[in-house]
Amino acid sequence: MPALCHWIRNRYVSSDWDNELLARLEMVLCRDNDGQVQAQPKSFHGETRGIAVTGPSRDGKSTLVRRVLERELGERIDDTRVGRHVVYHRVRTAATLKSVYSNLCAATGFTGLPARMTIPEAHELAMHRLRLADIRIVILDEVHNLLGYDNRAVNLFLKTFLQDGGGFCLIAIGTEVLRKFIYEREENLELAGRLLDLSLKRFPQDTSLALINSALDGLSAEAGLRLAPSIRRDPYFAERILEGCRGSYGRSMRLISTSIVLALEEGASALDIEDFRRVFDLDLLYFNPENPFLLSDWATRASAVGLEGGGAAGDPLGDTDFGAAIPKKRRGRKSRKGAAT
């Protein structure tokens, strides 16, 4: 069961964002005769281009980039070492340009960056080490952590991966702060022209609900769990998830997978609303203080649609179908057949 729980936690659910990223990768990377993108940047008069992937925190930017590139290039992207042609680095809070160069060198196996080395020297060394490792794509995550102290230096830092013989495709990931820095400042117009803009906008509500329902059905089935009546008979369950996560696709997927893992770890045979309520209370109240899996108002809304909720003819849906208004902690859930003990 631990292996199954790990697999569910890390399961990736594709969306239209995959196609949007792939369309941009096809603009900046070479393709083979079959149209498949390759880990080789396109060169435009000696310079390369990249992509800026931006959006709200925890909306799934990093997972999107890593999973799409892994799928298209067939290589594992690891934040502890370089891949065949890709390096991934997460910029830590309070990072400096020199510390980023140092970490890129360390990823290639070089850990002896002199303390007195200047930033230009650190840059040259990092570029040399990346070329020796045959790196062609540089992924920098949480780039917004570099902003604030010397933004002009950050502008030059990002551009040097793409010009002056850098020869890399740069994928910069960050929040809206990074997007504003690149695309809304006149002094950064040259940088903006080198990075294709991929701002992860929220999906239309119908699209989001369809993705949530698909993930809920698919992941629970893959986990070997049936959906309890508290979910199956609730025509608004996807809305609960989406509104609880305030429209965030990434958070919605994480809530579903975490709730499924909770049910698995407790040896349940079914996924029910109580799993979602408990996970939301523990993990998401900081983000939304109103737990949507507790509100009885949802049952009132569901009753208004009559048979659409799946109840028997003439039987309106009530609170008992969706979980008690004052839930109790469960102990000793009925085990699934074959569940590990």
C-alpha atoms as a PDB file:
ATOM      1  CA  MET A   1       0.000   0.000   0.000  1.00  0.00           C
ATOM      2  CA  PRO A   2       2.786   2.567   0.662  1.00  0.00           C
ATOM      3  CA  ALA A   3       3.822   2.280  -2.984  1.00  0.00           C
ATOM      4  CA  LEU A   4       0.234   2.847  -4.141  1.00  0.00           C
ATOM      5  CA  CYS A   5      -0.134   5.877  -1.851  1.00  0.00           C
ATOM      6  CA  HIS A   6       3.106   7.337  -3.204  1.00  0.00           C
ATOM      7  CA  TRP A   7       1.920   6.763  -6.758  1.00  0.00           C
ATOM      8  CA  ILE A   8      -1.437   8.462  -6.115  1.00  0.00           C
ATOM      9  CA  ARG A   9       0.205  11.451  -4.416  1.00  0.00           C
ATOM     10  CA  ASN A  10       2.440  11.959  -7.421  1.00  0.00           C
ATOM     11  CA  ARG A  11      -0.105  11.132 -10.118  1.00  0.00           C
ATOM     12  CA  TYR A  12      -0.238  13.818 -12.798  1.00  0.00           C
ATOM     13  CA  VAL A  13      -3.557  14.772 -14.387  1.00  0.00           C
ATOM     14  CA  SER A  14      -3.145  16.396 -17.799  1.00  0.00           C
ATOM     15  CA  SER A  15      -5.011  19.532 -18.816  1.00  0.00           C
ATOM     16  CA  ASP A  16      -5.082  22.142 -21.585  1.00  0.00           C
ATOM     17  CA  TRP A  17      -2.036  23.689 -19.944  1.00  0.00           C
ATOM     18  CA  ASP A  18      -0.007  20.754 -21.322  1.00  0.00           C
ATOM     19  CA  ASN A  19      -0.904  21.738 -24.879  1.00  0.00           C
ATOM     20  CA  GLU A  20      -0.172  25.416 -24.209  1.00  0.00           C
ATOM     21  CA  LEU A  21       3.290  24.590 -22.889  1.00  0.00           C
ATOM     22  CA  LEU A  22       3.973  22.135 -25.724  1.00  0.00           C
ATOM     23  CA  ALA A  23       3.040  24.761 -28.331  1.00  0.00           C
ATOM     24  CA  ARG A  24       5.676  27.072 -26.863  1.00  0.00           C
ATOM     25  CA  LEU A  25       8.284  24.325 -26.575  1.00  0.00           C
ATOM     26  CA  GLU A  26       7.815  23.713 -30.283  1.00  0.00           C
ATOM     27  CA  MET A  27       8.671  27.372 -30.868  1.00  0.00           C
ATOM     28  CA  VAL A  28      11.940  27.335 -28.930  1.00  0.00           C
ATOM     29  CA  LEU A  29      13.198  23.744 -29.372  1.00  0.00           C
ATOM     30  CA  CYS A  30      14.152  21.886 -32.524  1.00  0.00           C
ATOM     31  CA  ARG A  31      11.948  19.051 -33.761  1.00  0.00           C
ATOM     32  CA  ASP A  32      12.799  15.789 -35.488  1.00  0.00           C
ATOM     33  CA  ASN A  33      11.308  14.554 -38.757  1.00  0.00           C
ATOM     34  CA  ASP A  34       8.250  13.280 -36.894  1.00  0.00           C
ATOM     35  CA  GLY A  35       7.601  16.651 -35.262  1.00  0.00           C
ATOM     36  CA  GLN A  36       8.771  15.505 -31.810  1.00  0.00           C
ATOM     37  CA  VAL A  37      10.534  18.205 -29.784  1.00  0.00           C
ATOM     38  CA  GLN A  38      14.187  17.585 -29.034  1.00  0.00           C
ATOM     39  CA  ALA A  39      16.456  18.798 -26.256  1.00  0.00           C
ATOM     40  CA  GLN A  40      18.115  21.207 -28.639  1.00  0.00           C
ATOM     41  CA  PRO A  41      17.363  24.939 -28.576  1.00  0.00           C
ATOM     42  CA  LYS A  42      16.600  26.695 -31.822  1.00  0.00           C
ATOM     43  CA  SER A  43      19.179  29.348 -32.639  1.00  0.00           C
ATOM     44  CA  PHE A  44      18.128  32.756 -33.911  1.00  0.00           C
ATOM     45  CA  HIS A  45      21.221  34.606 -35.204  1.00  0.00           C
ATOM     46  CA  GLY A  46      23.326  33.014 -32.506  1.00  0.00           C
ATOM     47  CA  GLU A  47      20.802  33.519 -29.702  1.00  0.00           C
ATOM     48  CA  THR A  48      18.248  31.185 -28.177  1.00  0.00           C
ATOM     49  CA  ARG A  49      14.835  31.743 -26.649  1.00  0.00           C
ATOM     50  CA  GLY A  50      12.956  30.520 -23.629  1.00  0.00           C
ATOM     51  CA  ILE A  51       9.618  30.450 -21.823  1.00  0.00           C
ATOM     52  CA  ALA A  52       8.332  32.207 -18.698  1.00  0.00           C
ATOM     53  CA  VAL A  53       5.726  30.083 -16.912  1.00  0.00           C
ATOM     54  CA  THR A  54       3.897  32.164 -14.328  1.00  0.00           C
ATOM     55  CA  GLY A  55       0.803  31.899 -12.148  1.00  0.00           C
ATOM     56  CA  PRO A  56      -0.425  31.882  -8.546  1.00  0.00           C
ATOM     57  CA  SER A  57       1.486  29.927  -5.944  1.00  0.00           C
ATOM     58  CA  ARG A  58       0.691  26.172  -5.764  1.00  0.00           C
ATOM     59  CA  ASP A  59      -1.317  26.183  -8.978  1.00  0.00           C
ATOM     60  CA  GLY A  60       0.862  23.454 -10.505  1.00  0.00           C
ATOM     61  CA  LYS A  61       3.454  25.400 -12.544  1.00  0.00           C
ATOM     62  CA  SER A  62       6.477  23.321 -11.550  1.00  0.00           C
ATOM     63  CA  THR A  63       4.696  19.992 -11.948  1.00  0.00           C
ATOM     64  CA  LEU A  64       3.405  21.047 -15.361  1.00  0.00           C
ATOM     65  CA  VAL A  65       6.870  21.946 -16.661  1.00  0.00           C
ATOM     66  CA  ARG A  66       8.583  18.873 -15.268  1.00  0.00           C
ATOM     67  CA  ARG A  67       5.959  16.354 -16.370  1.00  0.00           C
ATOM     68  CA  VAL A  68       5.539  17.735 -19.891  1.00  0.00           C
ATOM     69  CA  LEU A  69       9.291  17.836 -20.480  1.00  0.00           C
ATOM     70  CA  GLU A  70       9.733  14.361 -19.017  1.00  0.00           C
ATOM     71  CA  ARG A  71       7.043  13.053 -21.331  1.00  0.00           C
ATOM     72  CA  GLU A  72       8.300  14.825 -24.453  1.00  0.00           C
ATOM     73  CA  LEU A  73      12.034  14.298 -23.935  1.00  0.00           C
ATOM     74  CA  GLY A  74      11.903  10.927 -22.230  1.00  0.00           C
ATOM     75  CA  GLU A  75      14.242  11.899 -19.419  1.00  0.00           C
ATOM     76  CA  ARG A  76      13.829  12.184 -15.690  1.00  0.00           C
ATOM     77  CA  ILE A  77      14.083  15.723 -14.297  1.00  0.00           C
ATOM     78  CA  ASP A  78      15.690  15.662 -10.863  1.00  0.00           C
ATOM     79  CA  ASP A  79      16.412  18.663  -8.649  1.00  0.00           C
ATOM     80  CA  THR A  80      19.457  16.977  -7.093  1.00  0.00           C
ATOM     81  CA  ARG A  81      21.469  16.289 -10.260  1.00  0.00           C
ATOM     82  CA  VAL A  82      21.579  17.112 -13.935  1.00  0.00           C
ATOM     83  CA  GLY A  83      19.779  15.003 -16.507  1.00  0.00           C
ATOM     84  CA  ARG A  84      20.984  14.019 -19.955  1.00  0.00           C
ATOM     85  CA  HIS A  85      20.348  17.483 -21.330  1.00  0.00           C
ATOM     86  CA  VAL A  86      18.231  19.251 -18.669  1.00  0.00           C
ATOM     87  CA  VAL A  87      19.066  20.866 -15.351  1.00  0.00           C
ATOM     88  CA  TYR A  88      16.369  21.893 -12.867  1.00  0.00           C
ATOM     89  CA  HIS A  89      17.060  24.272  -9.998  1.00  0.00           C
ATOM     90  CA  ARG A  90      14.655  25.692  -7.434  1.00  0.00           C
ATOM     91  CA  VAL A  91      15.733  29.174  -6.347  1.00  0.00           C
ATOM     92  CA  ARG A  92      15.540  29.317  -2.566  1.00  0.00           C
ATOM     93  CA  THR A  93      14.247  32.221  -0.513  1.00  0.00           C
ATOM     94  CA  ALA A  94      16.869  34.954  -0.089  1.00  0.00           C
ATOM     95  CA  ALA A  95      19.016  33.396  -2.832  1.00  0.00           C
ATOM     96  CA  THR A  96      21.664  35.471  -4.589  1.00  0.00           C
ATOM     97  CA  LEU A  97      22.873  35.253  -8.169  1.00  0.00           C
ATOM     98  CA  LYS A  98      26.139  33.815  -6.917  1.00  0.00           C
ATOM     99  CA  SER A  99      24.351  31.127  -4.897  1.00  0.00           C
ATOM    100  CA  VAL A 100      22.343  30.112  -7.973  1.00  0.00           C
ATOM    101  CA  TYR A 101      25.534  29.799 -10.018  1.00  0.00           C
ATOM    102  CA  SER A 102      27.083  27.817  -7.174  1.00  0.00           C
ATOM    103  CA  ASN A 103      24.119  25.437  -7.068  1.00  0.00           C
ATOM    104  CA  LEU A 104      24.211  24.932 -10.842  1.00  0.00           C
ATOM    105  CA  CYS A 105      27.888  24.048 -10.557  1.00  0.00           C
ATOM    106  CA  ALA A 106      27.134  21.678  -7.685  1.00  0.00           C
ATOM    107  CA  ALA A 107      24.494  19.911  -9.789  1.00  0.00           C
ATOM    108  CA  THR A 108      27.250  19.087 -12.288  1.00  0.00           C
ATOM    109  CA  GLY A 109      29.478  17.723  -9.525  1.00  0.00           C
ATOM    110  CA  PHE A 110      31.628  20.815  -8.927  1.00  0.00           C
ATOM    111  CA  THR A 111      31.309  21.986  -5.326  1.00  0.00           C
ATOM    112  CA  GLY A 112      34.462  24.037  -4.802  1.00  0.00           C
ATOM    113  CA  LEU A 113      33.296  27.507  -5.851  1.00  0.00           C
ATOM    114  CA  PRO A 114      35.812  29.942  -4.293  1.00  0.00           C
ATOM    115  CA  ALA A 115      34.294  32.292  -1.723  1.00  0.00           C
ATOM    116  CA  ARG A 116      35.913  35.360  -3.278  1.00  0.00           C
ATOM    117  CA  MET A 117      34.841  34.580  -6.833  1.00  0.00           C
ATOM    118  CA  THR A 118      33.013  37.481  -8.448  1.00  0.00           C
ATOM    119  CA  ILE A 119      29.562  37.111 -10.032  1.00  0.00           C
ATOM    120  CA  PRO A 120      30.956  37.366 -13.607  1.00  0.00           C
ATOM    121  CA  GLU A 121      33.527  34.672 -12.749  1.00  0.00           C
ATOM    122  CA  ALA A 122      30.830  32.486 -11.173  1.00  0.00           C
ATOM    123  CA  HIS A 123      28.751  32.959 -14.310  1.00  0.00           C
ATOM    124  CA  GLU A 124      31.565  31.851 -16.605  1.00  0.00           C
ATOM    125  CA  LEU A 125      32.304  28.818 -14.441  1.00  0.00           C
ATOM    126  CA  ALA A 126      28.628  27.771 -14.277  1.00  0.00           C
ATOM    127  CA  MET A 127      28.212  28.117 -18.047  1.00  0.00           C
ATOM    128  CA  HIS A 128      31.379  26.062 -18.578  1.00  0.00           C
ATOM    129  CA  ARG A 129      30.195  23.319 -16.212  1.00  0.00           C
ATOM    130  CA  LEU A 130      26.750  23.146 -17.857  1.00  0.00           C
ATOM    131  CA  ARG A 131      28.294  22.849 -21.315  1.00  0.00           C
ATOM    132  CA  LEU A 132      30.619  20.095 -20.116  1.00  0.00           C
ATOM    133  CA  ALA A 133      27.547  18.235 -18.838  1.00  0.00           C
ATOM    134  CA  ASP A 134      25.885  18.708 -22.267  1.00  0.00           C
ATOM    135  CA  ILE A 135      23.030  20.703 -20.694  1.00  0.00           C
ATOM    136  CA  ARG A 136      20.815  22.420 -23.244  1.00  0.00           C
ATOM    137  CA  ILE A 137      17.707  23.296 -21.215  1.00  0.00           C
ATOM    138  CA  VAL A 138      17.929  25.222 -17.923  1.00  0.00           C
ATOM    139  CA  ILE A 139      14.826  25.253 -15.716  1.00  0.00           C
ATOM    140  CA  LEU A 140      14.888  27.860 -12.959  1.00  0.00           C
ATOM    141  CA  ASP A 141      11.967  27.594 -10.547  1.00  0.00           C
ATOM    142  CA  GLU A 142      10.685  30.278  -8.158  1.00  0.00           C
ATOM    143  CA  VAL A 143      12.721  32.963  -9.923  1.00  0.00           C
ATOM    144  CA  HIS A 144      10.659  35.623  -8.130  1.00  0.00           C
ATOM    145  CA  ASN A 145      12.820  34.901  -5.070  1.00  0.00           C
ATOM    146  CA  LEU A 146      15.655  36.768  -6.805  1.00  0.00           C
ATOM    147  CA  LEU A 147      13.692  39.963  -7.284  1.00  0.00           C
ATOM    148  CA  GLY A 148      13.823  43.029  -5.085  1.00  0.00           C
ATOM    149  CA  TYR A 149      17.490  43.690  -4.350  1.00  0.00           C
ATOM    150  CA  ASP A 150      19.062  44.316  -7.765  1.00  0.00           C
ATOM    151  CA  ASN A 151      16.502  43.817 -10.508  1.00  0.00           C
ATOM    152  CA  ARG A 152      18.820  45.060 -13.230  1.00  0.00           C
ATOM    153  CA  ALA A 153      21.277  42.304 -12.326  1.00  0.00           C
ATOM    154  CA  VAL A 154      18.467  39.737 -12.488  1.00  0.00           C
ATOM    155  CA  ASN A 155      17.533  40.991 -15.961  1.00  0.00           C
ATOM    156  CA  LEU A 156      21.107  40.475 -17.153  1.00  0.00           C
ATOM    157  CA  PHE A 157      21.310  37.123 -15.350  1.00  0.00           C
ATOM    158  CA  LEU A 158      18.298  35.740 -17.227  1.00  0.00           C
ATOM    159  CA  LYS A 159      19.362  37.155 -20.589  1.00  0.00           C
ATOM    160  CA  THR A 160      22.843  35.664 -20.443  1.00  0.00           C
ATOM    161  CA  PHE A 161      21.429  32.143 -20.673  1.00  0.00           C
ATOM    162  CA  LEU A 162      19.991  33.099 -24.062  1.00  0.00           C
ATOM    163  CA  GLN A 163      22.579  35.420 -25.570  1.00  0.00           C
ATOM    164  CA  ASP A 164      26.340  35.959 -25.714  1.00  0.00           C
ATOM    165  CA  GLY A 165      26.857  32.347 -26.739  1.00  0.00           C
ATOM    166  CA  GLY A 166      24.922  30.922 -23.784  1.00  0.00           C
ATOM    167  CA  GLY A 167      23.131  28.565 -26.116  1.00  0.00           C
ATOM    168  CA  PHE A 168      20.572  27.322 -23.591  1.00  0.00           C
ATOM    169  CA  CYS A 169      16.802  27.261 -23.640  1.00  0.00           C
ATOM    170  CA  LEU A 170      15.715  28.903 -20.388  1.00  0.00           C
ATOM    171  CA  ILE A 171      12.437  28.045 -18.698  1.00  0.00           C
ATOM    172  CA  ALA A 172      11.785  30.520 -15.891  1.00  0.00           C
ATOM    173  CA  ILE A 173       9.005  29.640 -13.436  1.00  0.00           C
ATOM    174  CA  GLY A 174       7.517  32.060 -10.930  1.00  0.00           C
ATOM    175  CA  THR A 175       4.533  33.908  -9.559  1.00  0.00           C
ATOM    176  CA  GLU A 176       2.788  36.921 -11.067  1.00  0.00           C
ATOM    177  CA  VAL A 177       5.561  39.051  -9.558  1.00  0.00           C
ATOM    178  CA  LEU A 178       7.942  37.516 -12.095  1.00  0.00           C
ATOM    179  CA  ARG A 179       5.525  38.065 -14.969  1.00  0.00           C
ATOM    180  CA  LYS A 180       5.142  41.751 -14.138  1.00  0.00           C
ATOM    181  CA  PHE A 181       8.921  42.071 -13.887  1.00  0.00           C
ATOM    182  CA  ILE A 182       9.449  40.587 -17.356  1.00  0.00           C
ATOM    183  CA  TYR A 183       6.516  41.931 -19.336  1.00  0.00           C
ATOM    184  CA  GLU A 184       5.359  45.127 -17.656  1.00  0.00           C
ATOM    185  CA  ARG A 185       8.612  47.015 -17.193  1.00  0.00           C
ATOM    186  CA  GLU A 186       9.890  49.017 -20.129  1.00  0.00           C
ATOM    187  CA  GLU A 187      13.498  48.478 -19.124  1.00  0.00           C
ATOM    188  CA  ASN A 188      12.982  44.705 -19.471  1.00  0.00           C
ATOM    189  CA  LEU A 189      11.505  44.825 -22.968  1.00  0.00           C
ATOM    190  CA  GLU A 190      14.549  43.090 -24.434  1.00  0.00           C
ATOM    191  CA  LEU A 191      14.188  40.224 -21.954  1.00  0.00           C
ATOM    192  CA  ALA A 192      10.452  39.950 -22.667  1.00  0.00           C
ATOM    193  CA  GLY A 193      11.210  39.505 -26.359  1.00  0.00           C
ATOM    194  CA  ARG A 194      13.346  36.469 -25.570  1.00  0.00           C
ATOM    195  CA  LEU A 195      10.856  34.645 -23.301  1.00  0.00           C
ATOM    196  CA  LEU A 196       7.534  33.350 -24.585  1.00  0.00           C
ATOM    197  CA  ASP A 197       4.770  34.186 -22.118  1.00  0.00           C
ATOM    198  CA  LEU A 198       2.805  31.323 -20.559  1.00  0.00           C
ATOM    199  CA  SER A 199       0.618  32.771 -17.839  1.00  0.00           C
ATOM    200  CA  LEU A 200      -1.496  29.985 -16.338  1.00  0.00           C
ATOM    201  CA  LYS A 201      -4.962  31.478 -16.377  1.00  0.00           C
ATOM    202  CA  ARG A 202      -7.791  29.766 -14.552  1.00  0.00           C
ATOM    203  CA  PHE A 203      -9.893  27.444 -16.684  1.00  0.00           C
ATOM    204  CA  PRO A 204     -13.559  28.219 -17.365  1.00  0.00           C
ATOM    205  CA  GLN A 205     -15.712  26.762 -14.607  1.00  0.00           C
ATOM    206  CA  ASP A 206     -17.210  24.006 -16.781  1.00  0.00           C
ATOM    207  CA  THR A 207     -13.727  22.902 -17.836  1.00  0.00           C
ATOM    208  CA  SER A 208     -12.482  22.875 -14.246  1.00  0.00           C
ATOM    209  CA  LEU A 209     -15.476  20.867 -13.040  1.00  0.00           C
ATOM    210  CA  ALA A 210     -15.013  18.322 -15.834  1.00  0.00           C
ATOM    211  CA  LEU A 211     -11.335  17.919 -14.917  1.00  0.00           C
ATOM    212  CA  ILE A 212     -12.200  17.505 -11.242  1.00  0.00           C
ATOM    213  CA  ASN A 213     -14.891  14.899 -11.916  1.00  0.00           C
ATOM    214  CA  SER A 214     -12.558  13.001 -14.227  1.00  0.00           C
ATOM    215  CA  ALA A 215      -9.747  13.017 -11.661  1.00  0.00           C
ATOM    216  CA  LEU A 216     -12.102  12.032  -8.851  1.00  0.00           C
ATOM    217  CA  ASP A 217     -13.464   9.041 -10.784  1.00  0.00           C
ATOM    218  CA  GLY A 218     -10.145   8.019 -12.325  1.00  0.00           C
ATOM    219  CA  LEU A 219      -7.887   8.306  -9.278  1.00  0.00           C
ATOM    220  CA  SER A 220     -10.319   6.625  -6.900  1.00  0.00           C
ATOM    221  CA  ALA A 221     -10.736   3.729  -9.361  1.00  0.00           C
ATOM    222  CA  GLU A 222      -6.960   3.411  -9.742  1.00  0.00           C
ATOM    223  CA  ALA A 223      -6.712   3.330  -5.952  1.00  0.00           C
ATOM    224  CA  GLY A 224      -9.314   0.554  -5.786  1.00  0.00           C
ATOM    225  CA  LEU A 225     -11.826   2.721  -3.921  1.00  0.00           C
ATOM    226  CA  ARG A 226     -15.501   3.103  -4.721  1.00  0.00           C
ATOM    227  CA  LEU A 227     -17.218   6.460  -4.237  1.00  0.00           C
ATOM    228  CA  ALA A 228     -19.469   6.540  -1.197  1.00  0.00           C
ATOM    229  CA  PRO A 229     -23.034   7.920  -1.520  1.00  0.00           C
ATOM    230  CA  SER A 230     -21.857  11.131   0.150  1.00  0.00           C
ATOM    231  CA  ILE A 231     -19.888  11.807  -3.047  1.00  0.00           C
ATOM    232  CA  ARG A 232     -21.702   9.768  -5.678  1.00  0.00           C
ATOM    233  CA  ARG A 233     -25.135  11.212  -4.904  1.00  0.00           C
ATOM    234  CA  ASP A 234     -23.945  14.802  -4.518  1.00  0.00           C
ATOM    235  CA  PRO A 235     -24.364  16.670  -7.829  1.00  0.00           C
ATOM    236  CA  TYR A 236     -22.327  19.547  -6.415  1.00  0.00           C
ATOM    237  CA  PHE A 237     -19.318  17.655  -5.110  1.00  0.00           C
ATOM    238  CA  ALA A 238     -17.005  19.001  -7.814  1.00  0.00           C
ATOM    239  CA  GLU A 239     -18.205  22.510  -6.968  1.00  0.00           C
ATOM    240  CA  ARG A 240     -17.313  21.895  -3.332  1.00  0.00           C
ATOM    241  CA  ILE A 241     -13.760  21.057  -4.367  1.00  0.00           C
ATOM    242  CA  LEU A 242     -13.388  23.938  -6.816  1.00  0.00           C
ATOM    243  CA  GLU A 243     -14.905  26.603  -4.557  1.00  0.00           C
ATOM    244  CA  GLY A 244     -13.010  25.301  -1.547  1.00  0.00           C
ATOM    245  CA  CYS A 245      -9.775  25.679  -3.511  1.00  0.00           C
ATOM    246  CA  ARG A 246     -10.912  29.074  -4.829  1.00  0.00           C
ATOM    247  CA  GLY A 247     -10.703  27.997  -8.443  1.00  0.00           C
ATOM    248  CA  SER A 248      -7.146  26.624  -8.213  1.00  0.00           C
ATOM    249  CA  TYR A 249      -6.675  23.596 -10.471  1.00  0.00           C
ATOM    250  CA  GLY A 250      -3.440  22.542  -8.780  1.00  0.00           C
ATOM    251  CA  ARG A 251      -4.899  22.723  -5.286  1.00  0.00           C
ATOM    252  CA  SER A 252      -8.023  20.841  -6.430  1.00  0.00           C
ATOM    253  CA  MET A 253      -5.920  17.962  -7.774  1.00  0.00           C
ATOM    254  CA  ARG A 254      -3.830  17.901  -4.617  1.00  0.00           C
ATOM    255  CA  LEU A 255      -6.940  17.845  -2.426  1.00  0.00           C
ATOM    256  CA  ILE A 256      -8.351  14.882  -4.353  1.00  0.00           C
ATOM    257  CA  SER A 257      -5.138  12.849  -4.232  1.00  0.00           C
ATOM    258  CA  THR A 258      -4.499  13.621  -0.542  1.00  0.00           C
ATOM    259  CA  SER A 259      -8.046  12.601   0.397  1.00  0.00           C
ATOM    260  CA  ILE A 260      -7.694   9.348  -1.524  1.00  0.00           C
ATOM    261  CA  VAL A 261      -4.404   8.607   0.240  1.00  0.00           C
ATOM    262  CA  LEU A 262      -6.054   9.247   3.617  1.00  0.00           C
ATOM    263  CA  ALA A 263      -8.773   6.727   2.793  1.00  0.00           C
ATOM    264  CA  LEU A 264      -6.189   4.191   1.608  1.00  0.00           C
ATOM    265  CA  GLU A 265      -4.039   4.578   4.703  1.00  0.00           C
ATOM    266  CA  GLU A 266      -7.080   3.977   6.909  1.00  0.00           C
ATOM    267  CA  GLY A 267      -7.915   0.787   5.014  1.00  0.00           C
ATOM    268  CA  ALA A 268     -11.218   2.115   3.675  1.00  0.00           C
ATOM    269  CA  SER A 269     -13.164   0.471   0.885  1.00  0.00           C
ATOM    270  CA  ALA A 270     -14.794   3.756  -0.176  1.00  0.00           C
ATOM    271  CA  LEU A 271     -13.869   7.408  -0.511  1.00  0.00           C
ATOM    272  CA  ASP A 272     -16.369   9.683   1.213  1.00  0.00           C
ATOM    273  CA  ILE A 273     -16.913  13.298   2.114  1.00  0.00           C
ATOM    274  CA  GLU A 274     -15.387  12.885   5.555  1.00  0.00           C
ATOM    275  CA  ASP A 275     -11.981  12.241   3.978  1.00  0.00           C
ATOM    276  CA  PHE A 276     -12.212  15.579   2.167  1.00  0.00           C
ATOM    277  CA  ARG A 277     -13.490  17.411   5.245  1.00  0.00           C
ATOM    278  CA  ARG A 278     -10.586  16.192   7.374  1.00  0.00           C
ATOM    279  CA  VAL A 279      -7.939  16.956   4.762  1.00  0.00           C
ATOM    280  CA  PHE A 280      -9.408  20.412   4.184  1.00  0.00           C
ATOM    281  CA  ASP A 281      -9.429  21.169   7.913  1.00  0.00           C
ATOM    282  CA  LEU A 282      -5.808  20.127   8.271  1.00  0.00           C
ATOM    283  CA  ASP A 283      -4.354  21.570   5.082  1.00  0.00           C
ATOM    284  CA  LEU A 284      -6.465  24.320   3.532  1.00  0.00           C
ATOM    285  CA  LEU A 285      -8.175  26.406   6.196  1.00  0.00           C
ATOM    286  CA  TYR A 286      -5.326  28.920   5.960  1.00  0.00           C
ATOM    287  CA  PHE A 287      -6.278  29.406   2.307  1.00  0.00           C
ATOM    288  CA  ASN A 288     -10.058  29.315   2.731  1.00  0.00           C
ATOM    289  CA  PRO A 289     -11.464  29.446   6.286  1.00  0.00           C
ATOM    290  CA  GLU A 290     -14.818  28.015   5.156  1.00  0.00           C
ATOM    291  CA  ASN A 291     -14.719  24.234   4.786  1.00  0.00           C
ATOM    292  CA  PRO A 292     -17.077  23.391   1.866  1.00  0.00           C
ATOM    293  CA  PHE A 293     -17.395  19.770   2.973  1.00  0.00           C
ATOM    294  CA  LEU A 294     -19.110  20.804   6.180  1.00  0.00           C
ATOM    295  CA  LEU A 295     -21.688  23.332   5.005  1.00  0.00           C
ATOM    296  CA  SER A 296     -25.245  21.975   5.089  1.00  0.00           C
ATOM    297  CA  ASP A 297     -26.201  24.658   2.574  1.00  0.00           C
ATOM    298  CA  TRP A 298     -24.726  22.418  -0.122  1.00  0.00           C
ATOM    299  CA  ALA A 299     -27.328  19.768   0.730  1.00  0.00           C
ATOM    300  CA  THR A 300     -30.062  22.378   0.365  1.00  0.00           C
ATOM    301  CA  ARG A 301     -28.753  23.307  -3.061  1.00  0.00           C
ATOM    302  CA  ALA A 302     -28.550  19.655  -4.082  1.00  0.00           C
ATOM    303  CA  SER A 303     -32.140  19.018  -2.977  1.00  0.00           C
ATOM    304  CA  ALA A 304     -33.312  21.680  -5.387  1.00  0.00           C
ATOM    305  CA  VAL A 305     -32.273  19.588  -8.393  1.00  0.00           C
ATOM    306  CA  GLY A 306     -34.321  16.558  -7.357  1.00  0.00           C
ATOM    307  CA  LEU A 307     -33.390  13.350  -9.142  1.00  0.00           C
ATOM    308  CA  GLU A 308     -30.222  14.823 -10.655  1.00  0.00           C
ATOM    309  CA  GLY A 309     -28.535  13.948  -7.395  1.00  0.00           C
ATOM    310  CA  GLY A 310     -29.146  10.258  -7.917  1.00  0.00           C
ATOM    311  CA  GLY A 311     -31.718   9.687  -5.141  1.00  0.00           C
ATOM    312  CA  ALA A 312     -34.726   7.436  -5.423  1.00  0.00           C
ATOM    313  CA  ALA A 313     -37.901   8.842  -6.938  1.00  0.00           C
ATOM    314  CA  GLY A 314     -39.614  11.213  -4.553  1.00  0.00           C
ATOM    315  CA  ASP A 315     -36.752  11.146  -2.051  1.00  0.00           C
ATOM    316  CA  PRO A 316     -35.147  14.560  -1.638  1.00  0.00           C
ATOM    317  CA  LEU A 317     -31.463  14.572  -0.752  1.00  0.00           C
ATOM    318  CA  GLY A 318     -30.621  15.618   2.751  1.00  0.00           C
ATOM    319  CA  ASP A 319     -27.690  16.262   5.068  1.00  0.00           C
ATOM    320  CA  THR A 320     -27.215  12.556   5.758  1.00  0.00           C
ATOM    321  CA  ASP A 321     -26.369  12.006   2.107  1.00  0.00           C
ATOM    322  CA  PHE A 322     -23.497  14.481   2.244  1.00  0.00           C
ATOM    323  CA  GLY A 323     -21.982  14.011   5.673  1.00  0.00           C
ATOM    324  CA  ALA A 324     -23.150  15.152   9.057  1.00  0.00           C
ATOM    325  CA  ALA A 325     -23.192  18.861   9.806  1.00  0.00           C
ATOM    326  CA  ILE A 326     -21.187  18.026  12.956  1.00  0.00           C
ATOM    327  CA  PRO A 327     -18.904  15.191  11.796  1.00  0.00           C
ATOM    328  CA  LYS A 328     -17.316  12.791  14.239  1.00  0.00           C
ATOM    329  CA  LYS A 329     -13.835  11.364  13.981  1.00  0.00           C
ATOM    330  CA  ARG A 330     -13.975   7.876  12.599  1.00  0.00           C
ATOM    331  CA  ARG A 331     -12.098   4.961  14.033  1.00  0.00           C
ATOM    332  CA  GLY A 332     -11.891   1.410  12.822  1.00  0.00           C
ATOM    333  CA  ARG A 333     -13.114   1.933   9.257  1.00  0.00           C
ATOM    334  CA  LYS A 334     -14.111  -1.198   7.455  1.00  0.00           C
ATOM    335  CA  SER A 335     -11.063  -2.545   5.687  1.00  0.00           C
ATOM    336  CA  ARG A 336     -10.820  -3.015   1.970  1.00  0.00           C
ATOM    337  CA  LYS A 337     -10.369  -6.523   0.720  1.00  0.00           C
ATOM    338  CA  GLY A 338      -6.677  -7.205   0.521  1.00  0.00           C
ATOM    339  CA  ALA A 339      -5.729  -4.008   2.342  1.00  0.00           C
ATOM    340  CA  ALA A 340      -2.347  -4.057   3.991  1.00  0.00           C
ATOM    341  CA  THR A 341      -2.286  -4.158   7.776  1.00  0.00           C
END
